[in-house]
Amino acid sequence: MRRKGKPTVRTIAEANVTPLADVVTTLIVVFLMTMPALVWSGIQVNATRAAKSREVVRKDRSTADKMMVLIHKGVIEVDGESLRMAELAELTRARMADTDDRTVILVPDDDVPLGWVVTVMDVLKQNGAESLALLNRIGGEA
């Protein structure tokens, strides 16, 4: 039975999702814009020069004064001497302080994991190496 003169009030039990959708869309846009800046830590590789690097090193005899790092599985070798990561950091700092040409030549073996090579590259860059040359060892020669 209805009462006369008083309107009935009906409540809506549905959730309004429009503000939620606006907030979520805004957050997605913000994350998409900021993630590349937060995650980026790349290594630049000039592929056109890398293809001819072997010939350049053979013709250029000034590589004798450059630091050459041989990377074996679990072992880093500089001038025929096996080094640990901390020793490599100290040696790199000392060598890069004494020279104007801060180029380091890396020669990894074929069975060396990529992560190990990148770790060595990071240590060299953090300790003063400005330019890294990555060479492939073919048949035991660099």
Protein backbone atom coordinates (compact mmCIF):
# COMPACT_ATOMS: atom_id res chain seq x y z
CA MET A 1 0.00 0.00 0.00
CA ARG A 2 1.32 3.38 -1.03
CA ARG A 3 1.15 6.48 0.96
CA LYS A 4 -0.29 9.45 -0.76
CA GLY A 5 1.70 12.64 -1.12
CA LYS A 6 5.20 11.31 -0.40
CA PRO A 7 7.32 10.26 -3.35
CA THR A 8 9.22 7.04 -3.01
CA VAL A 9 13.02 7.20 -3.08
CA ARG A 10 14.75 4.46 -5.00
CA THR A 11 18.42 3.84 -4.40
CA ILE A 12 20.69 2.73 -7.20
CA ALA A 13 22.90 -0.16 -6.15
CA GLU A 14 25.24 0.00 -9.16
CA ALA A 15 28.84 1.17 -8.85
CA ASN A 16 29.93 4.11 -10.95
CA VAL A 17 33.03 2.88 -12.79
CA THR A 18 33.73 6.01 -14.83
CA PRO A 19 36.08 7.64 -12.25
CA LEU A 20 37.87 4.33 -11.77
CA ALA A 21 38.38 3.96 -15.53
CA ASP A 22 39.74 7.53 -15.72
CA VAL A 23 42.27 6.89 -12.94
CA VAL A 24 43.41 3.57 -14.40
CA THR A 25 43.84 5.08 -17.87
CA THR A 26 45.87 7.96 -16.45
CA LEU A 27 48.13 5.57 -14.52
CA ILE A 28 48.70 3.43 -17.59
CA VAL A 29 49.72 6.47 -19.63
CA VAL A 30 52.08 7.68 -16.88
CA PHE A 31 53.71 4.24 -16.56
CA LEU A 32 54.11 3.90 -20.33
CA MET A 33 55.86 7.26 -20.48
CA THR A 34 58.19 6.75 -17.50
CA MET A 35 59.23 3.09 -17.88
CA PRO A 36 61.67 3.53 -20.78
CA ALA A 37 63.53 6.21 -18.83
CA LEU A 38 63.74 4.02 -15.72
CA VAL A 39 64.72 0.76 -17.38
CA TRP A 40 67.08 1.96 -20.12
CA SER A 41 70.67 0.87 -19.62
CA GLY A 42 71.74 -0.14 -23.09
CA ILE A 43 75.08 -0.60 -24.73
CA GLN A 44 75.59 1.13 -28.04
CA VAL A 45 76.97 -1.04 -30.80
CA ASN A 46 77.98 0.33 -34.17
CA ALA A 47 77.29 -2.70 -36.35
CA THR A 48 78.72 -1.23 -39.55
CA ARG A 49 82.10 -0.70 -37.98
CA ALA A 50 81.99 -3.99 -36.07
CA ALA A 51 81.91 -6.00 -39.30
CA LYS A 52 85.27 -4.56 -40.38
CA SER A 53 86.93 -4.33 -36.96
CA ARG A 54 89.29 -7.25 -37.56
CA GLU A 55 90.84 -5.62 -40.60
CA VAL A 56 91.08 -2.29 -38.80
CA VAL A 57 92.91 -3.87 -35.87
CA ARG A 58 95.32 -5.71 -38.18
CA LYS A 59 96.12 -2.54 -40.17
CA ASP A 60 96.25 -0.26 -37.15
CA ARG A 61 99.41 -1.03 -35.20
CA SER A 62 98.45 1.42 -32.45
CA THR A 63 96.51 -1.38 -30.72
CA ALA A 64 99.70 -2.27 -28.84
CA ASP A 65 99.07 0.59 -26.40
CA LYS A 66 95.40 -0.32 -25.92
CA MET A 67 94.26 -2.56 -23.11
CA MET A 68 93.22 -6.00 -24.44
CA VAL A 69 91.01 -8.15 -22.22
CA LEU A 70 90.57 -11.83 -23.05
CA ILE A 71 87.45 -13.33 -21.51
CA HIS A 72 87.44 -17.07 -20.91
CA LYS A 73 84.74 -18.99 -19.08
CA GLY A 74 85.13 -17.79 -15.49
CA VAL A 75 88.55 -16.20 -16.12
CA ILE A 76 89.56 -12.71 -17.24
CA GLU A 77 93.01 -12.34 -18.74
CA VAL A 78 94.97 -9.12 -19.32
CA ASP A 79 98.55 -9.27 -20.62
CA GLY A 80 98.71 -13.03 -19.98
CA GLU A 81 97.74 -12.59 -16.34
CA SER A 82 94.50 -14.01 -14.90
CA LEU A 83 92.52 -11.49 -12.88
CA ARG A 84 89.46 -11.38 -10.67
CA MET A 85 86.78 -8.73 -11.13
CA ALA A 86 88.13 -6.46 -8.37
CA GLU A 87 91.66 -6.70 -9.78
CA LEU A 88 90.32 -5.86 -13.24
CA ALA A 89 88.65 -2.76 -11.83
CA GLU A 90 91.89 -1.58 -10.17
CA LEU A 91 93.99 -2.31 -13.27
CA THR A 92 91.50 -0.51 -15.52
CA ARG A 93 91.49 2.57 -13.27
CA ALA A 94 95.29 2.66 -13.27
CA ARG A 95 95.62 2.15 -17.05
CA MET A 96 92.91 4.65 -17.98
CA ALA A 97 94.46 7.30 -15.74
CA ASP A 98 97.79 6.99 -17.58
CA THR A 99 96.52 7.28 -21.17
CA ASP A 100 94.51 9.62 -23.35
CA ASP A 101 93.09 6.80 -25.49
CA ARG A 102 90.62 5.05 -23.22
CA THR A 103 89.76 2.22 -25.61
CA VAL A 104 89.60 -1.34 -24.32
CA ILE A 105 89.53 -4.32 -26.70
CA LEU A 106 87.43 -7.26 -25.48
CA VAL A 107 87.97 -10.73 -26.95
CA PRO A 108 85.55 -13.29 -25.47
CA ASP A 109 85.70 -17.02 -26.18
CA ASP A 110 82.77 -18.60 -28.00
CA ASP A 111 81.52 -20.51 -24.95
CA VAL A 112 81.45 -17.49 -22.63
CA PRO A 113 77.90 -16.54 -21.54
CA LEU A 114 76.70 -13.13 -22.67
CA GLY A 115 75.97 -12.08 -19.09
CA TRP A 116 79.63 -12.57 -18.14
CA VAL A 117 80.78 -10.42 -21.08
CA VAL A 118 78.31 -7.66 -20.19
CA THR A 119 79.46 -7.76 -16.55
CA VAL A 120 83.07 -7.29 -17.66
CA MET A 121 81.99 -4.45 -19.96
CA ASP A 122 80.17 -2.76 -17.06
CA VAL A 123 83.25 -3.01 -14.83
CA LEU A 124 85.45 -1.53 -17.56
CA LYS A 125 83.04 1.36 -18.25
CA GLN A 126 82.64 2.15 -14.54
CA ASN A 127 86.39 2.35 -14.10
CA GLY A 128 87.27 4.75 -16.89
CA ALA A 129 87.03 2.98 -20.25
CA GLU A 130 85.30 5.32 -22.68
CA SER A 131 85.17 3.07 -25.73
CA LEU A 132 84.91 -0.71 -25.95
CA ALA A 133 85.83 -2.76 -29.01
CA LEU A 134 84.34 -6.25 -29.04
CA LEU A 135 86.22 -8.71 -31.24
CA ASN A 136 85.44 -12.30 -32.09
CA ARG A 137 88.14 -14.91 -31.76
CA ILE A 138 88.23 -17.14 -34.83
CA GLY A 139 90.43 -20.23 -34.79
CA GLY A 140 92.50 -19.11 -31.79
CA GLU A 141 93.49 -15.71 -33.20
CA ALA A 142 92.14 -12.35 -32.14
